[in-house]
Amino acid sequence: MSQWNQVQQLEIKFLEQVDQFYDDNFPMEIRHLLAQWIENQDWEAASNNETMATILLQNLLIQLDEQLGRVSKEKNLLLIHNLKRIRKVLQSPGLATTQLPLDRHGETCIQRSKSCP
């Protein structure tokens, strides 16, 4: 089971913590739609390597474009609008690659929930 699927099954108190990790720089829609791809990337290495982080950002934009093409066929107007807005934010020149998703947030919540009685 993917980490994102595990996160979605957490108790509400942990889901509220997860909600706080996501903002306009990296919205939850992207985490949800690209869960498998995100979990297969080496974010730890990218956090210490600007070139690798830039490549991951470009690959993220490619994945986002593929999702945008898919939802455009489904005519999901709200999701199309949100994905276009998100893409614009991710392409902004001021975006630091350090704002890329770190999968550790979800892992932390999962570990905390397992230690609870």
PDB file of N, CA and C in Angstrom:
ATOM      1  N   MET A   1       0.854  -1.171   0.000  1.00  0.00           N
ATOM      2  CA  MET A   1       0.000   0.000   0.000  1.00  0.00           C
ATOM      3  C   MET A   1       0.904   1.240   0.000  1.00  0.00           C
ATOM      4  N   SER A   2       0.546   2.211  -0.801  1.00  0.00           N
ATOM      5  CA  SER A   2       1.353   3.426  -0.873  1.00  0.00           C
ATOM      6  C   SER A   2       1.276   4.201   0.437  1.00  0.00           C
ATOM      7  N   GLN A   3       2.305   4.980   0.671  1.00  0.00           N
ATOM      8  CA  GLN A   3       2.333   5.800   1.877  1.00  0.00           C
ATOM      9  C   GLN A   3       1.143   6.756   1.913  1.00  0.00           C
ATOM     10  N   TRP A   4       0.791   7.317   0.754  1.00  0.00           N
ATOM     11  CA  TRP A   4      -0.332   8.248   0.705  1.00  0.00           C
ATOM     12  C   TRP A   4      -1.631   7.559   1.098  1.00  0.00           C
ATOM     13  N   ASN A   5      -1.820   6.316   0.661  1.00  0.00           N
ATOM     14  CA  ASN A   5      -3.010   5.557   1.060  1.00  0.00           C
ATOM     15  C   ASN A   5      -3.006   5.301   2.560  1.00  0.00           C
ATOM     16  N   GLN A   6      -1.831   5.023   3.129  1.00  0.00           N
ATOM     17  CA  GLN A   6      -1.731   4.826   4.568  1.00  0.00           C
ATOM     18  C   GLN A   6      -2.073   6.109   5.317  1.00  0.00           C
ATOM     19  N   VAL A   7      -1.572   7.228   4.813  1.00  0.00           N
ATOM     20  CA  VAL A   7      -1.850   8.514   5.449  1.00  0.00           C
ATOM     21  C   VAL A   7      -3.348   8.770   5.490  1.00  0.00           C
ATOM     22  N   GLN A   8      -4.042   8.487   4.403  1.00  0.00           N
ATOM     23  CA  GLN A   8      -5.471   8.754   4.335  1.00  0.00           C
ATOM     24  C   GLN A   8      -6.287   7.898   5.307  1.00  0.00           C
ATOM     25  N   GLN A   9      -5.699   6.842   5.826  1.00  0.00           N
ATOM     26  CA  GLN A   9      -6.400   5.968   6.763  1.00  0.00           C
ATOM     27  C   GLN A   9      -6.099   6.293   8.228  1.00  0.00           C
ATOM     28  N   LEU A  10      -5.304   7.341   8.452  1.00  0.00           N
ATOM     29  CA  LEU A  10      -4.956   7.732   9.820  1.00  0.00           C
ATOM     30  C   LEU A  10      -6.166   8.305  10.551  1.00  0.00           C
ATOM     31  N   GLU A  11      -6.043   8.349  11.865  1.00  0.00           N
ATOM     32  CA  GLU A  11      -7.072   8.986  12.692  1.00  0.00           C
ATOM     33  C   GLU A  11      -7.111  10.472  12.370  1.00  0.00           C
ATOM     34  N   ILE A  12      -8.228  11.098  12.670  1.00  0.00           N
ATOM     35  CA  ILE A  12      -8.454  12.498  12.321  1.00  0.00           C
ATOM     36  C   ILE A  12      -7.388  13.422  12.914  1.00  0.00           C
ATOM     37  N   LYS A  13      -6.914  13.153  14.123  1.00  0.00           N
ATOM     38  CA  LYS A  13      -5.913  14.028  14.737  1.00  0.00           C
ATOM     39  C   LYS A  13      -4.623  14.038  13.920  1.00  0.00           C
ATOM     40  N   PHE A  14      -4.286  12.923  13.295  1.00  0.00           N
ATOM     41  CA  PHE A  14      -3.089  12.865  12.459  1.00  0.00           C
ATOM     42  C   PHE A  14      -3.361  13.468  11.082  1.00  0.00           C
ATOM     43  N   LEU A  15      -4.580  13.282  10.585  1.00  0.00           N
ATOM     44  CA  LEU A  15      -4.947  13.890   9.300  1.00  0.00           C
ATOM     45  C   LEU A  15      -4.881  15.413   9.386  1.00  0.00           C
ATOM     46  N   GLU A  16      -5.245  15.961  10.528  1.00  0.00           N
ATOM     47  CA  GLU A  16      -5.159  17.409  10.718  1.00  0.00           C
ATOM     48  C   GLU A  16      -3.715  17.876  10.657  1.00  0.00           C
ATOM     49  N   GLN A  17      -2.787  17.076  11.183  1.00  0.00           N
ATOM     50  CA  GLN A  17      -1.365  17.410  11.095  1.00  0.00           C
ATOM     51  C   GLN A  17      -0.888  17.360   9.650  1.00  0.00           C
ATOM     52  N   VAL A  18      -1.324  16.349   8.923  1.00  0.00           N
ATOM     53  CA  VAL A  18      -0.943  16.217   7.518  1.00  0.00           C
ATOM     54  C   VAL A  18      -1.443  17.427   6.732  1.00  0.00           C
ATOM     55  N   ASP A  19      -2.657  17.861   7.018  1.00  0.00           N
ATOM     56  CA  ASP A  19      -3.240  19.004   6.325  1.00  0.00           C
ATOM     57  C   ASP A  19      -2.358  20.241   6.464  1.00  0.00           C
ATOM     58  N   GLN A  20      -1.709  20.390   7.585  1.00  0.00           N
ATOM     59  CA  GLN A  20      -0.853  21.554   7.827  1.00  0.00           C
ATOM     60  C   GLN A  20       0.423  21.544   6.986  1.00  0.00           C
ATOM     61  N   PHE A  21       0.818  20.407   6.450  1.00  0.00           N
ATOM     62  CA  PHE A  21       2.037  20.309   5.647  1.00  0.00           C
ATOM     63  C   PHE A  21       1.869  20.883   4.247  1.00  0.00           C
ATOM     64  N   TYR A  22       0.639  21.003   3.800  1.00  0.00           N
ATOM     65  CA  TYR A  22       0.388  21.386   2.416  1.00  0.00           C
ATOM     66  C   TYR A  22      -0.101  22.824   2.344  1.00  0.00           C
ATOM     67  N   ASP A  23       0.411  23.552   1.351  1.00  0.00           N
ATOM     68  CA  ASP A  23       0.030  24.946   1.157  1.00  0.00           C
ATOM     69  C   ASP A  23       0.023  25.239  -0.339  1.00  0.00           C
ATOM     70  N   ASP A  24      -0.017  26.517  -0.704  1.00  0.00           N
ATOM     71  CA  ASP A  24      -0.063  26.891  -2.118  1.00  0.00           C
ATOM     72  C   ASP A  24       1.210  26.533  -2.872  1.00  0.00           C
ATOM     73  N   ASN A  25       2.348  26.426  -2.166  1.00  0.00           N
ATOM     74  CA  ASN A  25       3.589  26.058  -2.835  1.00  0.00           C
ATOM     75  C   ASN A  25       3.599  24.592  -3.254  1.00  0.00           C
ATOM     76  N   PHE A  26       2.970  23.765  -2.470  1.00  0.00           N
ATOM     77  CA  PHE A  26       2.828  22.358  -2.826  1.00  0.00           C
ATOM     78  C   PHE A  26       1.493  21.852  -2.297  1.00  0.00           C
ATOM     79  N   PRO A  27       0.437  22.055  -3.091  1.00  0.00           N
ATOM     80  CA  PRO A  27      -0.919  21.695  -2.657  1.00  0.00           C
ATOM     81  C   PRO A  27      -1.131  20.182  -2.529  1.00  0.00           C
ATOM     82  N   MET A  28      -2.070  19.829  -1.691  1.00  0.00           N
ATOM     83  CA  MET A  28      -2.390  18.431  -1.450  1.00  0.00           C
ATOM     84  C   MET A  28      -2.887  17.718  -2.716  1.00  0.00           C
ATOM     85  N   GLU A  29      -3.497  18.460  -3.639  1.00  0.00           N
ATOM     86  CA  GLU A  29      -3.969  17.829  -4.887  1.00  0.00           C
ATOM     87  C   GLU A  29      -2.815  17.140  -5.615  1.00  0.00           C
ATOM     88  N   ILE A  30      -1.648  17.790  -5.613  1.00  0.00           N
ATOM     89  CA  ILE A  30      -0.491  17.207  -6.288  1.00  0.00           C
ATOM     90  C   ILE A  30      -0.036  15.949  -5.559  1.00  0.00           C
ATOM     91  N   ARG A  31       0.002  16.016  -4.244  1.00  0.00           N
ATOM     92  CA  ARG A  31       0.409  14.835  -3.469  1.00  0.00           C
ATOM     93  C   ARG A  31      -0.536  13.673  -3.743  1.00  0.00           C
ATOM     94  N   HIS A  32      -1.820  13.985  -3.839  1.00  0.00           N
ATOM     95  CA  HIS A  32      -2.825  12.951  -4.075  1.00  0.00           C
ATOM     96  C   HIS A  32      -2.710  12.373  -5.493  1.00  0.00           C
ATOM     97  N   LEU A  33      -2.671  13.249  -6.480  1.00  0.00           N
ATOM     98  CA  LEU A  33      -2.661  12.793  -7.873  1.00  0.00           C
ATOM     99  C   LEU A  33      -1.360  12.108  -8.279  1.00  0.00           C
ATOM    100  N   LEU A  34      -0.255  12.535  -7.695  1.00  0.00           N
ATOM    101  CA  LEU A  34       1.054  12.007  -8.087  1.00  0.00           C
ATOM    102  C   LEU A  34       1.692  11.162  -6.982  1.00  0.00           C
ATOM    103  N   ALA A  35       0.867  10.590  -6.123  1.00  0.00           N
ATOM    104  CA  ALA A  35       1.364   9.862  -4.954  1.00  0.00           C
ATOM    105  C   ALA A  35       2.427   8.826  -5.307  1.00  0.00           C
ATOM    106  N   GLN A  36       2.133   7.970  -6.245  1.00  0.00           N
ATOM    107  CA  GLN A  36       3.071   6.892  -6.582  1.00  0.00           C
ATOM    108  C   GLN A  36       4.383   7.448  -7.119  1.00  0.00           C
ATOM    109  N   TRP A  37       4.299   8.418  -8.019  1.00  0.00           N
ATOM    110  CA  TRP A  37       5.499   9.012  -8.591  1.00  0.00           C
ATOM    111  C   TRP A  37       6.324   9.690  -7.493  1.00  0.00           C
ATOM    112  N   ILE A  38       5.668  10.463  -6.647  1.00  0.00           N
ATOM    113  CA  ILE A  38       6.359  11.182  -5.573  1.00  0.00           C
ATOM    114  C   ILE A  38       7.090  10.203  -4.653  1.00  0.00           C
ATOM    115  N   GLU A  39       6.434   9.113  -4.308  1.00  0.00           N
ATOM    116  CA  GLU A  39       7.027   8.153  -3.387  1.00  0.00           C
ATOM    117  C   GLU A  39       8.196   7.390  -3.994  1.00  0.00           C
ATOM    118  N   ASN A  40       8.312   7.409  -5.298  1.00  0.00           N
ATOM    119  CA  ASN A  40       9.409   6.714  -5.966  1.00  0.00           C
ATOM    120  C   ASN A  40      10.627   7.599  -6.228  1.00  0.00           C
ATOM    121  N   GLN A  41      10.595   8.844  -5.775  1.00  0.00           N
ATOM    122  CA  GLN A  41      11.701   9.773  -6.001  1.00  0.00           C
ATOM    123  C   GLN A  41      12.605   9.829  -4.774  1.00  0.00           C
ATOM    124  N   ASP A  42      13.859  10.179  -4.993  1.00  0.00           N
ATOM    125  CA  ASP A  42      14.828  10.287  -3.906  1.00  0.00           C
ATOM    126  C   ASP A  42      14.883  11.736  -3.429  1.00  0.00           C
ATOM    127  N   TRP A  43      13.904  12.127  -2.619  1.00  0.00           N
ATOM    128  CA  TRP A  43      13.803  13.506  -2.150  1.00  0.00           C
ATOM    129  C   TRP A  43      14.926  13.850  -1.194  1.00  0.00           C
ATOM    130  N   GLU A  44      15.406  12.877  -0.451  1.00  0.00           N
ATOM    131  CA  GLU A  44      16.509  13.126   0.486  1.00  0.00           C
ATOM    132  C   GLU A  44      17.750  13.575  -0.286  1.00  0.00           C
ATOM    133  N   ALA A  45      18.082  12.864  -1.334  1.00  0.00           N
ATOM    134  CA  ALA A  45      19.253  13.239  -2.137  1.00  0.00           C
ATOM    135  C   ALA A  45      19.044  14.594  -2.807  1.00  0.00           C
ATOM    136  N   ALA A  46      17.826  14.842  -3.281  1.00  0.00           N
ATOM    137  CA  ALA A  46      17.538  16.108  -3.954  1.00  0.00           C
ATOM    138  C   ALA A  46      17.626  17.289  -2.994  1.00  0.00           C
ATOM    139  N   SER A  47      17.346  17.058  -1.723  1.00  0.00           N
ATOM    140  CA  SER A  47      17.408  18.161  -0.758  1.00  0.00           C
ATOM    141  C   SER A  47      18.837  18.647  -0.544  1.00  0.00           C
ATOM    142  N   ASN A  48      19.800  17.839  -0.933  1.00  0.00           N
ATOM    143  CA  ASN A  48      21.210  18.208  -0.778  1.00  0.00           C
ATOM    144  C   ASN A  48      21.899  18.486  -2.108  1.00  0.00           C
ATOM    145  N   ASN A  49      21.140  18.486  -3.202  1.00  0.00           N
ATOM    146  CA  ASN A  49      21.742  18.628  -4.521  1.00  0.00           C
ATOM    147  C   ASN A  49      20.831  19.497  -5.389  1.00  0.00           C
ATOM    148  N   GLU A  50      21.232  20.739  -5.600  1.00  0.00           N
ATOM    149  CA  GLU A  50      20.409  21.706  -6.344  1.00  0.00           C
ATOM    150  C   GLU A  50      20.084  21.214  -7.759  1.00  0.00           C
ATOM    151  N   THR A  51      21.049  20.608  -8.421  1.00  0.00           N
ATOM    152  CA  THR A  51      20.821  20.114  -9.787  1.00  0.00           C
ATOM    153  C   THR A  51      19.771  19.012  -9.795  1.00  0.00           C
ATOM    154  N   MET A  52      19.908  18.079  -8.876  1.00  0.00           N
ATOM    155  CA  MET A  52      18.936  16.985  -8.803  1.00  0.00           C
ATOM    156  C   MET A  52      17.547  17.521  -8.442  1.00  0.00           C
ATOM    157  N   ALA A  53      17.490  18.489  -7.538  1.00  0.00           N
ATOM    158  CA  ALA A  53      16.209  19.081  -7.156  1.00  0.00           C
ATOM    159  C   ALA A  53      15.558  19.769  -8.356  1.00  0.00           C
ATOM    160  N   THR A  54      16.346  20.440  -9.163  1.00  0.00           N
ATOM    161  CA  THR A  54      15.822  21.109 -10.358  1.00  0.00           C
ATOM    162  C   THR A  54      15.278  20.084 -11.353  1.00  0.00           C
ATOM    163  N   ILE A  55      15.993  18.997 -11.519  1.00  0.00           N
ATOM    164  CA  ILE A  55      15.540  17.931 -12.422  1.00  0.00           C
ATOM    165  C   ILE A  55      14.236  17.323 -11.907  1.00  0.00           C
ATOM    166  N   LEU A  56      14.167  17.090 -10.604  1.00  0.00           N
ATOM    167  CA  LEU A  56      12.929  16.544 -10.032  1.00  0.00           C
ATOM    168  C   LEU A  56      11.768  17.510 -10.222  1.00  0.00           C
ATOM    169  N   LEU A  57      12.026  18.796 -10.075  1.00  0.00           N
ATOM    170  CA  LEU A  57      10.971  19.783 -10.295  1.00  0.00           C
ATOM    171  C   LEU A  57      10.488  19.735 -11.741  1.00  0.00           C
ATOM    172  N   GLN A  58      11.412  19.640 -12.692  1.00  0.00           N
ATOM    173  CA  GLN A  58      11.021  19.550 -14.099  1.00  0.00           C
ATOM    174  C   GLN A  58      10.221  18.271 -14.364  1.00  0.00           C
ATOM    175  N   ASN A  59      10.644  17.178 -13.765  1.00  0.00           N
ATOM    176  CA  ASN A  59       9.911  15.921 -13.922  1.00  0.00           C
ATOM    177  C   ASN A  59       8.535  15.997 -13.263  1.00  0.00           C
ATOM    178  N   LEU A  60       8.450  16.704 -12.147  1.00  0.00           N
ATOM    179  CA  LEU A  60       7.168  16.921 -11.489  1.00  0.00           C
ATOM    180  C   LEU A  60       6.223  17.687 -12.406  1.00  0.00           C
ATOM    181  N   LEU A  61       6.742  18.698 -13.089  1.00  0.00           N
ATOM    182  CA  LEU A  61       5.919  19.468 -14.025  1.00  0.00           C
ATOM    183  C   LEU A  61       5.445  18.598 -15.190  1.00  0.00           C
ATOM    184  N   ILE A  62       6.293  17.697 -15.641  1.00  0.00           N
ATOM    185  CA  ILE A  62       5.897  16.768 -16.705  1.00  0.00           C
ATOM    186  C   ILE A  62       4.762  15.866 -16.218  1.00  0.00           C
ATOM    187  N   GLN A  63       4.913  15.339 -15.014  1.00  0.00           N
ATOM    188  CA  GLN A  63       3.858  14.499 -14.429  1.00  0.00           C
ATOM    189  C   GLN A  63       2.565  15.287 -14.276  1.00  0.00           C
ATOM    190  N   LEU A  64       2.689  16.528 -13.865  1.00  0.00           N
ATOM    191  CA  LEU A  64       1.521  17.389 -13.699  1.00  0.00           C
ATOM    192  C   LEU A  64       0.832  17.625 -15.039  1.00  0.00           C
ATOM    193  N   ASP A  65       1.612  17.842 -16.089  1.00  0.00           N
ATOM    194  CA  ASP A  65       1.038  18.018 -17.427  1.00  0.00           C
ATOM    195  C   ASP A  65       0.277  16.774 -17.873  1.00  0.00           C
ATOM    196  N   GLU A  66       0.824  15.608 -17.561  1.00  0.00           N
ATOM    197  CA  GLU A  66       0.133  14.361 -17.914  1.00  0.00           C
ATOM    198  C   GLU A  66      -1.205  14.248 -17.179  1.00  0.00           C
ATOM    199  N   GLN A  67      -1.214  14.617 -15.909  1.00  0.00           N
ATOM    200  CA  GLN A  67      -2.462  14.596 -15.146  1.00  0.00           C
ATOM    201  C   GLN A  67      -3.454  15.621 -15.691  1.00  0.00           C
ATOM    202  N   LEU A  68      -2.939  16.778 -16.066  1.00  0.00           N
ATOM    203  CA  LEU A  68      -3.792  17.820 -16.634  1.00  0.00           C
ATOM    204  C   LEU A  68      -4.436  17.331 -17.932  1.00  0.00           C
ATOM    205  N   GLY A  69      -3.677  16.644 -18.758  1.00  0.00           N
ATOM    206  CA  GLY A  69      -4.233  16.066 -19.979  1.00  0.00           C
ATOM    207  C   GLY A  69      -5.317  15.041 -19.682  1.00  0.00           C
ATOM    208  N   ARG A  70      -5.086  14.232 -18.662  1.00  0.00           N
ATOM    209  CA  ARG A  70      -6.066  13.204 -18.280  1.00  0.00           C
ATOM    210  C   ARG A  70      -7.359  13.832 -17.780  1.00  0.00           C
ATOM    211  N   VAL A  71      -7.249  14.813 -16.883  1.00  0.00           N
ATOM    212  CA  VAL A  71      -8.464  15.402 -16.327  1.00  0.00           C
ATOM    213  C   VAL A  71      -9.164  16.303 -17.342  1.00  0.00           C
ATOM    214  N   SER A  72      -8.422  16.808 -18.313  1.00  0.00           N
ATOM    215  CA  SER A  72      -9.054  17.611 -19.365  1.00  0.00           C
ATOM    216  C   SER A  72     -10.011  16.745 -20.182  1.00  0.00           C
ATOM    217  N   LYS A  73      -9.625  15.495 -20.403  1.00  0.00           N
ATOM    218  CA  LYS A  73     -10.491  14.559 -21.128  1.00  0.00           C
ATOM    219  C   LYS A  73     -11.748  14.240 -20.322  1.00  0.00           C
ATOM    220  N   GLU A  74     -11.619  14.272 -18.998  1.00  0.00           N
ATOM    221  CA  GLU A  74     -12.753  13.991 -18.116  1.00  0.00           C
ATOM    222  C   GLU A  74     -13.634  15.226 -17.919  1.00  0.00           C
ATOM    223  N   LYS A  75     -13.169  16.363 -18.392  1.00  0.00           N
ATOM    224  CA  LYS A  75     -13.891  17.637 -18.284  1.00  0.00           C
ATOM    225  C   LYS A  75     -14.206  17.996 -16.831  1.00  0.00           C
ATOM    226  N   ASN A  76     -13.238  17.757 -15.965  1.00  0.00           N
ATOM    227  CA  ASN A  76     -13.369  18.100 -14.555  1.00  0.00           C
ATOM    228  C   ASN A  76     -12.878  19.540 -14.391  1.00  0.00           C
ATOM    229  N   LEU A  77     -13.789  20.493 -14.556  1.00  0.00           N
ATOM    230  CA  LEU A  77     -13.436  21.907 -14.609  1.00  0.00           C
ATOM    231  C   LEU A  77     -12.697  22.385 -13.364  1.00  0.00           C
ATOM    232  N   LEU A  78     -13.147  21.991 -12.189  1.00  0.00           N
ATOM    233  CA  LEU A  78     -12.505  22.445 -10.956  1.00  0.00           C
ATOM    234  C   LEU A  78     -11.069  21.928 -10.860  1.00  0.00           C
ATOM    235  N   LEU A  79     -10.873  20.654 -11.139  1.00  0.00           N
ATOM    236  CA  LEU A  79      -9.534  20.084 -11.067  1.00  0.00           C
ATOM    237  C   LEU A  79      -8.628  20.668 -12.151  1.00  0.00           C
ATOM    238  N   ILE A  80      -9.165  20.889 -13.337  1.00  0.00           N
ATOM    239  CA  ILE A  80      -8.390  21.527 -14.414  1.00  0.00           C
ATOM    240  C   ILE A  80      -7.918  22.901 -13.953  1.00  0.00           C
ATOM    241  N   HIS A  81      -8.829  23.671 -13.403  1.00  0.00           N
ATOM    242  CA  HIS A  81      -8.491  25.013 -12.910  1.00  0.00           C
ATOM    243  C   HIS A  81      -7.396  24.944 -11.838  1.00  0.00           C
ATOM    244  N   ASN A  82      -7.567  24.047 -10.874  1.00  0.00           N
ATOM    245  CA  ASN A  82      -6.595  23.932  -9.782  1.00  0.00           C
ATOM    246  C   ASN A  82      -5.223  23.479 -10.289  1.00  0.00           C
ATOM    247  N   LEU A  83      -5.210  22.521 -11.192  1.00  0.00           N
ATOM    248  CA  LEU A  83      -3.928  22.036 -11.720  1.00  0.00           C
ATOM    249  C   LEU A  83      -3.204  23.118 -12.514  1.00  0.00           C
ATOM    250  N   LYS A  84      -3.946  23.913 -13.276  1.00  0.00           N
ATOM    251  CA  LYS A  84      -3.315  25.012 -14.016  1.00  0.00           C
ATOM    252  C   LYS A  84      -2.734  26.042 -13.046  1.00  0.00           C
ATOM    253  N   ARG A  85      -3.465  26.330 -11.994  1.00  0.00           N
ATOM    254  CA  ARG A  85      -2.988  27.279 -10.979  1.00  0.00           C
ATOM    255  C   ARG A  85      -1.738  26.734 -10.285  1.00  0.00           C
ATOM    256  N   ILE A  86      -1.764  25.479  -9.946  1.00  0.00           N
ATOM    257  CA  ILE A  86      -0.630  24.844  -9.279  1.00  0.00           C
ATOM    258  C   ILE A  86       0.593  24.848 -10.193  1.00  0.00           C
ATOM    259  N   ARG A  87       0.375  24.538 -11.460  1.00  0.00           N
ATOM    260  CA  ARG A  87       1.490  24.528 -12.412  1.00  0.00           C
ATOM    261  C   ARG A  87       2.131  25.904 -12.498  1.00  0.00           C
ATOM    262  N   LYS A  88       1.306  26.925 -12.510  1.00  0.00           N
ATOM    263  CA  LYS A  88       1.811  28.300 -12.572  1.00  0.00           C
ATOM    264  C   LYS A  88       2.678  28.614 -11.350  1.00  0.00           C
ATOM    265  N   VAL A  89       2.221  28.197 -10.180  1.00  0.00           N
ATOM    266  CA  VAL A  89       2.992  28.419  -8.947  1.00  0.00           C
ATOM    267  C   VAL A  89       4.322  27.672  -9.006  1.00  0.00           C
ATOM    268  N   LEU A  90       4.280  26.414  -9.446  1.00  0.00           N
ATOM    269  CA  LEU A  90       5.494  25.608  -9.504  1.00  0.00           C
ATOM    270  C   LEU A  90       6.491  26.126 -10.535  1.00  0.00           C
ATOM    271  N   GLN A  91       6.000  26.825 -11.536  1.00  0.00           N
ATOM    272  CA  GLN A  91       6.883  27.364 -12.571  1.00  0.00           C
ATOM    273  C   GLN A  91       7.413  28.753 -12.220  1.00  0.00           C
ATOM    274  N   SER A  92       6.930  29.332 -11.138  1.00  0.00           N
ATOM    275  CA  SER A  92       7.340  30.690 -10.805  1.00  0.00           C
ATOM    276  C   SER A  92       8.839  30.729 -10.522  1.00  0.00           C
ATOM    277  N   PRO A  93       9.504  31.775 -11.009  1.00  0.00           N
ATOM    278  CA  PRO A  93      10.958  31.867 -10.851  1.00  0.00           C
ATOM    279  C   PRO A  93      11.419  31.899  -9.398  1.00  0.00           C
ATOM    280  N   GLY A  94      10.595  32.382  -8.499  1.00  0.00           N
ATOM    281  CA  GLY A  94      10.992  32.496  -7.103  1.00  0.00           C
ATOM    282  C   GLY A  94      10.859  31.217  -6.304  1.00  0.00           C
ATOM    283  N   LEU A  95      10.348  30.143  -6.927  1.00  0.00           N
ATOM    284  CA  LEU A  95      10.159  28.901  -6.188  1.00  0.00           C
ATOM    285  C   LEU A  95      11.504  28.261  -5.902  1.00  0.00           C
ATOM    286  N   ALA A  96      11.787  28.070  -4.655  1.00  0.00           N
ATOM    287  CA  ALA A  96      13.023  27.390  -4.276  1.00  0.00           C
ATOM    288  C   ALA A  96      12.791  25.893  -4.369  1.00  0.00           C
ATOM    289  N   THR A  97      13.764  25.183  -4.894  1.00  0.00           N
ATOM    290  CA  THR A  97      13.611  23.730  -5.004  1.00  0.00           C
ATOM    291  C   THR A  97      13.556  23.089  -3.626  1.00  0.00           C
ATOM    292  N   THR A  98      13.900  23.826  -2.593  1.00  0.00           N
ATOM    293  CA  THR A  98      13.784  23.283  -1.232  1.00  0.00           C
ATOM    294  C   THR A  98      12.332  23.174  -0.811  1.00  0.00           C
ATOM    295  N   GLN A  99      11.412  23.759  -1.579  1.00  0.00           N
ATOM    296  CA  GLN A  99       9.994  23.668  -1.257  1.00  0.00           C
ATOM    297  C   GLN A  99       9.345  22.435  -1.880  1.00  0.00           C
ATOM    298  N   LEU A 100      10.136  21.626  -2.541  1.00  0.00           N
ATOM    299  CA  LEU A 100       9.594  20.409  -3.130  1.00  0.00           C
ATOM    300  C   LEU A 100       9.116  19.474  -2.023  1.00  0.00           C
ATOM    301  N   PRO A 101       8.226  18.537  -2.379  1.00  0.00           N
ATOM    302  CA  PRO A 101       7.633  17.682  -1.347  1.00  0.00           C
ATOM    303  C   PRO A 101       8.655  16.782  -0.683  1.00  0.00           C
ATOM    304  N   LEU A 102       8.635  16.743   0.597  1.00  0.00           N
ATOM    305  CA  LEU A 102       9.461  15.797   1.322  1.00  0.00           C
ATOM    306  C   LEU A 102       8.513  14.755   1.891  1.00  0.00           C
ATOM    307  N   ASP A 103       8.680  13.558   1.451  1.00  0.00           N
ATOM    308  CA  ASP A 103       7.782  12.473   1.826  1.00  0.00           C
ATOM    309  C   ASP A 103       7.883  12.137   3.306  1.00  0.00           C
ATOM    310  N   ARG A 104       8.848  12.730   3.980  1.00  0.00           N
ATOM    311  CA  ARG A 104       9.042  12.449   5.398  1.00  0.00           C
ATOM    312  C   ARG A 104       7.840  12.875   6.235  1.00  0.00           C
ATOM    313  N   HIS A 105       7.092  13.890   5.802  1.00  0.00           N
ATOM    314  CA  HIS A 105       5.937  14.354   6.580  1.00  0.00           C
ATOM    315  C   HIS A 105       4.927  13.228   6.767  1.00  0.00           C
ATOM    316  N   GLY A 106       4.587  12.583   5.706  1.00  0.00           N
ATOM    317  CA  GLY A 106       3.625  11.483   5.783  1.00  0.00           C
ATOM    318  C   GLY A 106       4.170  10.330   6.602  1.00  0.00           C
ATOM    319  N   GLU A 107       5.446  10.032   6.417  1.00  0.00           N
ATOM    320  CA  GLU A 107       6.070   8.943   7.165  1.00  0.00           C
ATOM    321  C   GLU A 107       6.048   9.236   8.663  1.00  0.00           C
ATOM    322  N   THR A 108       6.298  10.487   9.040  1.00  0.00           N
ATOM    323  CA  THR A 108       6.269  10.876  10.447  1.00  0.00           C
ATOM    324  C   THR A 108       4.885  10.633  11.038  1.00  0.00           C
ATOM    325  N   CYS A 109       3.845  11.031  10.327  1.00  0.00           N
ATOM    326  CA  CYS A 109       2.478  10.836  10.825  1.00  0.00           C
ATOM    327  C   CYS A 109       2.133   9.357  10.947  1.00  0.00           C
ATOM    328  N   ILE A 110       2.566   8.572   9.980  1.00  0.00           N
ATOM    329  CA  ILE A 110       2.283   7.136  10.025  1.00  0.00           C
ATOM    330  C   ILE A 110       2.976   6.519  11.238  1.00  0.00           C
ATOM    331  N   GLN A 111       4.243   6.867  11.468  1.00  0.00           N
ATOM    332  CA  GLN A 111       4.970   6.324  12.605  1.00  0.00           C
ATOM    333  C   GLN A 111       4.329   6.746  13.924  1.00  0.00           C
ATOM    334  N   ARG A 112       3.912   7.994  14.025  1.00  0.00           N
ATOM    335  CA  ARG A 112       3.252   8.455  15.257  1.00  0.00           C
ATOM    336  C   ARG A 112       1.976   7.682  15.516  1.00  0.00           C
ATOM    337  N   SER A 113       1.211   7.434  14.470  1.00  0.00           N
ATOM    338  CA  SER A 113      -0.057   6.735  14.659  1.00  0.00           C
ATOM    339  C   SER A 113       0.161   5.289  15.092  1.00  0.00           C
ATOM    340  N   LYS A 114       1.253   4.676  14.646  1.00  0.00           N
ATOM    341  CA  LYS A 114       1.533   3.295  15.020  1.00  0.00           C
ATOM    342  C   LYS A 114       1.958   3.185  16.486  1.00  0.00           C
ATOM    343  N   SER A 115       2.517   4.265  17.018  1.00  0.00           N
ATOM    344  CA  SER A 115       2.974   4.208  18.401  1.00  0.00           C
ATOM    345  C   SER A 115       1.866   4.527  19.394  1.00  0.00           C
ATOM    346  N   CYS A 116       0.715   4.929  18.897  1.00  0.00           N
ATOM    347  CA  CYS A 116      -0.410   5.261  19.773  1.00  0.00           C
ATOM    348  C   CYS A 116      -1.163   3.991  20.150  1.00  0.00           C
ATOM    349  N   PRO A 117      -1.709   3.931  21.368  1.00  0.00           N
ATOM    350  CA  PRO A 117      -2.458   2.736  21.790  1.00  0.00           C
ATOM    351  C   PRO A 117      -3.756   2.585  21.032  1.00  0.00           C
TER     352      PRO A 117
END
